[in-house]
Amino acid sequence: MKIKTKKCKQCKEPFVVNPIYPLQYICSPYCAVIRLQQSRGRTAEKESKEKTKAMKIGLLTHSDYLKMLQTVFNAYIRKRDAELPCISCGTQKNVEYAAGHFYPTTYQYLRFNEDNVHKQCNKSCNMMKRGNLLEYRPALIKKIGMERVEVLDNTRHLHLDLSIPEIKEQIIIYKQKLKEQTLSKAD
């Protein structure tokens, strides 16, 4: 029988493999004990991280969940409109873009309305010109039509109070939409 040598997975030293145990990957009982202790340590560390994560989730407030939803929603809008120019000024420059709200997020009913939010250059239109609404409205009418803009106008003062389970559901929906947009852009 041929003598086979392997490198120990623990100490990295070569060792002769016992022909009875051809799948052996540890050179000695000493290395086996050390490897077992390290794997148990990793398991305990993993359990500790999972407990910490569960505790953090338990401490999240309604406001925290709204921020999470806003982040996912905005990412979806930027991905959805990635090929389009800025809704306000029409630039297609290589600048940072935002999900610009026609009616600001203080209008809770329209905060997560896809007709109300479009890709907008972040520094120029969204921040410096506070949304550049004089240019935004005509471009919005051209993009979605006057009827849908009137719906936004007529519903902006409605109140929307999402519960935490509803917000979690919306987060899942927009993560899925973002994933679908990413996959469709890759094709």
Protein backbone atom coordinates (compact mmCIF):
# COMPACT_ATOMS: atom_id res chain seq x y z
CA MET A 1 0.00 0.00 0.00
CA LYS A 2 1.14 3.50 -0.84
CA ILE A 3 1.91 5.85 2.05
CA LYS A 4 -0.13 9.03 1.74
CA THR A 5 0.68 12.34 3.45
CA LYS A 6 -1.59 15.30 4.06
CA LYS A 7 -1.29 18.69 5.67
CA CYS A 8 -3.06 18.94 9.08
CA LYS A 9 -6.03 21.33 8.97
CA GLN A 10 -5.10 22.59 12.45
CA CYS A 11 -1.33 22.88 12.74
CA LYS A 12 -0.57 22.84 8.98
CA GLU A 13 2.20 20.24 9.46
CA PRO A 14 2.42 17.23 7.11
CA PHE A 15 1.41 13.86 8.57
CA VAL A 16 1.09 10.27 7.39
CA VAL A 17 -2.53 9.24 6.82
CA ASN A 18 -3.65 6.01 8.43
CA PRO A 19 -4.88 3.73 5.60
CA ILE A 20 -7.90 2.74 7.70
CA TYR A 21 -9.00 6.41 7.86
CA PRO A 22 -8.38 7.84 4.37
CA LEU A 23 -10.53 10.94 5.08
CA GLN A 24 -8.46 11.89 8.13
CA TYR A 25 -7.55 15.60 8.13
CA ILE A 26 -6.13 16.13 11.66
CA CYS A 27 -2.71 14.79 12.58
CA SER A 28 -3.19 14.03 16.30
CA PRO A 29 -5.69 13.94 19.17
CA TYR A 30 -4.08 17.15 20.46
CA CYS A 31 -4.88 19.03 17.22
CA ALA A 32 -8.37 17.49 17.20
CA VAL A 33 -9.11 18.85 20.72
CA ILE A 34 -7.84 22.33 19.81
CA ARG A 35 -9.94 22.34 16.61
CA LEU A 36 -13.03 21.25 18.54
CA GLN A 37 -12.52 23.97 21.16
CA GLN A 38 -12.11 26.61 18.46
CA SER A 39 -15.26 25.46 16.65
CA ARG A 40 -17.20 25.58 19.92
CA GLY A 41 -15.88 29.09 20.49
CA ARG A 42 -17.09 30.11 17.03
CA THR A 43 -20.49 28.59 17.74
CA ALA A 44 -20.78 30.47 21.04
CA GLU A 45 -19.68 33.67 19.29
CA LYS A 46 -22.27 33.12 16.56
CA GLU A 47 -25.02 32.52 19.14
CA SER A 48 -23.97 35.69 20.98
CA LYS A 49 -24.19 37.72 17.74
CA GLU A 50 -27.64 36.27 17.01
CA LYS A 51 -28.86 37.17 20.52
CA THR A 52 -27.49 40.70 20.16
CA LYS A 53 -29.18 41.07 16.77
CA ALA A 54 -32.50 39.85 18.22
CA MET A 55 -32.19 42.29 21.12
CA LYS A 56 -31.48 45.18 18.73
CA ILE A 57 -34.52 44.28 16.63
CA GLY A 58 -36.59 44.22 19.80
CA LEU A 59 -35.45 47.75 20.63
CA LEU A 60 -36.38 49.28 17.27
CA THR A 61 -39.05 51.96 17.41
CA HIS A 62 -41.75 52.95 14.95
CA SER A 63 -39.49 55.77 13.78
CA ASP A 64 -36.60 53.33 13.21
CA TYR A 65 -38.79 51.15 11.01
CA LEU A 66 -39.95 54.20 9.03
CA LYS A 67 -36.31 55.15 8.42
CA MET A 68 -35.58 51.61 7.23
CA LEU A 69 -38.57 51.74 4.87
CA GLN A 70 -37.52 55.18 3.59
CA THR A 71 -34.02 53.87 2.84
CA VAL A 72 -35.28 50.84 0.90
CA PHE A 73 -37.97 52.88 -0.88
CA ASN A 74 -35.46 55.56 -1.95
CA ALA A 75 -33.03 52.91 -3.21
CA TYR A 76 -35.84 51.38 -5.25
CA ILE A 77 -36.76 54.78 -6.78
CA ARG A 78 -33.14 55.48 -7.73
CA LYS A 79 -32.84 52.03 -9.31
CA ARG A 80 -36.22 52.34 -11.08
CA ASP A 81 -35.24 55.70 -12.62
CA ALA A 82 -31.56 54.87 -13.15
CA GLU A 83 -31.71 55.33 -16.91
CA LEU A 84 -33.80 58.53 -16.73
CA PRO A 85 -32.50 62.11 -16.32
CA CYS A 86 -33.15 64.27 -13.27
CA ILE A 87 -36.90 64.97 -13.12
CA SER A 88 -36.33 68.68 -12.46
CA CYS A 89 -33.40 69.86 -14.56
CA GLY A 90 -32.99 66.96 -16.97
CA THR A 91 -29.29 66.47 -16.29
CA GLN A 92 -27.76 63.09 -17.01
CA LYS A 93 -24.33 63.97 -15.64
CA ASN A 94 -22.42 61.58 -13.46
CA VAL A 95 -23.56 63.14 -10.16
CA GLU A 96 -25.10 61.76 -7.00
CA TYR A 97 -28.84 61.27 -7.33
CA ALA A 98 -31.59 61.23 -4.72
CA ALA A 99 -35.18 60.09 -4.58
CA GLY A 100 -36.74 63.54 -4.80
CA HIS A 101 -40.25 63.97 -3.41
CA PHE A 102 -42.58 66.40 -5.21
CA TYR A 103 -44.60 66.75 -2.01
CA PRO A 104 -42.15 66.44 0.91
CA THR A 105 -42.21 63.57 3.39
CA THR A 106 -44.18 65.72 5.84
CA TYR A 107 -47.18 64.79 3.68
CA GLN A 108 -47.33 61.31 5.20
CA TYR A 109 -49.91 59.95 2.76
CA LEU A 110 -47.58 60.60 -0.19
CA ARG A 111 -44.29 59.76 1.52
CA PHE A 112 -44.11 56.30 -0.06
CA ASN A 113 -46.21 57.03 -3.16
CA GLU A 114 -44.21 56.07 -6.27
CA ASP A 115 -45.93 58.81 -8.35
CA ASN A 116 -44.68 61.42 -5.87
CA VAL A 117 -41.01 60.37 -5.87
CA HIS A 118 -38.56 60.45 -8.78
CA LYS A 119 -34.83 60.52 -9.46
CA GLN A 120 -33.39 63.97 -8.84
CA CYS A 121 -29.84 65.29 -8.76
CA ASN A 122 -29.07 65.49 -5.08
CA LYS A 123 -26.94 68.60 -4.55
CA SER A 124 -28.28 70.92 -7.22
CA CYS A 125 -32.03 70.33 -7.45
CA ASN A 126 -32.86 68.40 -4.29
CA MET A 127 -30.77 70.33 -1.77
CA MET A 128 -29.72 73.71 -3.16
CA LYS A 129 -32.98 74.43 -4.98
CA ARG A 130 -35.16 72.70 -2.36
CA GLY A 131 -36.61 70.26 -4.85
CA ASN A 132 -36.62 72.66 -7.82
CA LEU A 133 -40.43 72.42 -7.80
CA LEU A 134 -40.96 74.99 -10.58
CA GLU A 135 -39.24 72.61 -12.99
CA TYR A 136 -40.41 69.43 -11.22
CA ARG A 137 -44.18 69.92 -11.74
CA PRO A 138 -44.18 70.29 -15.57
CA ALA A 139 -41.80 67.33 -15.90
CA LEU A 140 -44.01 65.31 -13.53
CA ILE A 141 -47.11 66.09 -15.60
CA LYS A 142 -45.25 65.04 -18.72
CA LYS A 143 -44.06 61.82 -17.08
CA ILE A 144 -47.20 60.55 -15.29
CA GLY A 145 -50.00 62.69 -16.74
CA MET A 146 -52.20 65.45 -15.34
CA GLU A 147 -54.79 63.06 -13.84
CA ARG A 148 -52.24 61.34 -11.60
CA VAL A 149 -50.73 64.69 -10.57
CA GLU A 150 -54.23 65.88 -9.59
CA VAL A 151 -54.62 62.73 -7.47
CA LEU A 152 -51.40 63.72 -5.68
CA ASP A 153 -52.72 67.28 -5.25
CA ASN A 154 -56.05 66.07 -3.85
CA THR A 155 -54.68 63.40 -1.50
CA ARG A 156 -51.66 65.22 -0.05
CA HIS A 157 -53.47 66.22 3.16
CA LEU A 158 -54.77 62.74 3.93
CA HIS A 159 -53.26 61.10 6.97
CA LEU A 160 -51.40 57.78 6.78
CA ASP A 161 -50.46 56.02 9.98
CA LEU A 162 -48.68 52.75 9.27
CA SER A 163 -48.30 50.22 12.07
CA ILE A 164 -44.96 48.45 12.58
CA PRO A 165 -46.24 45.21 10.94
CA GLU A 166 -47.46 47.24 7.94
CA ILE A 167 -44.08 48.99 7.70
CA LYS A 168 -42.27 45.63 7.87
CA GLU A 169 -44.52 44.36 5.07
CA GLN A 170 -43.70 47.43 2.95
CA ILE A 171 -39.98 46.93 3.60
CA ILE A 172 -40.26 43.36 2.29
CA ILE A 173 -42.24 44.53 -0.75
CA TYR A 174 -39.72 47.25 -1.68
CA LYS A 175 -36.74 44.96 -1.10
CA GLN A 176 -38.35 42.53 -3.53
CA LYS A 177 -39.06 45.30 -6.05
CA LEU A 178 -35.45 46.49 -5.72
CA LYS A 179 -34.21 42.95 -6.30
CA GLU A 180 -36.44 42.61 -9.39
CA GLN A 181 -35.16 45.95 -10.75
CA THR A 182 -31.58 44.84 -10.20
CA LEU A 183 -32.21 41.55 -12.00
CA SER A 184 -34.02 43.22 -14.91
CA LYS A 185 -31.20 45.78 -15.32
CA ALA A 186 -28.67 42.92 -15.44
CA ASP A 187 -30.47 41.24 -18.35
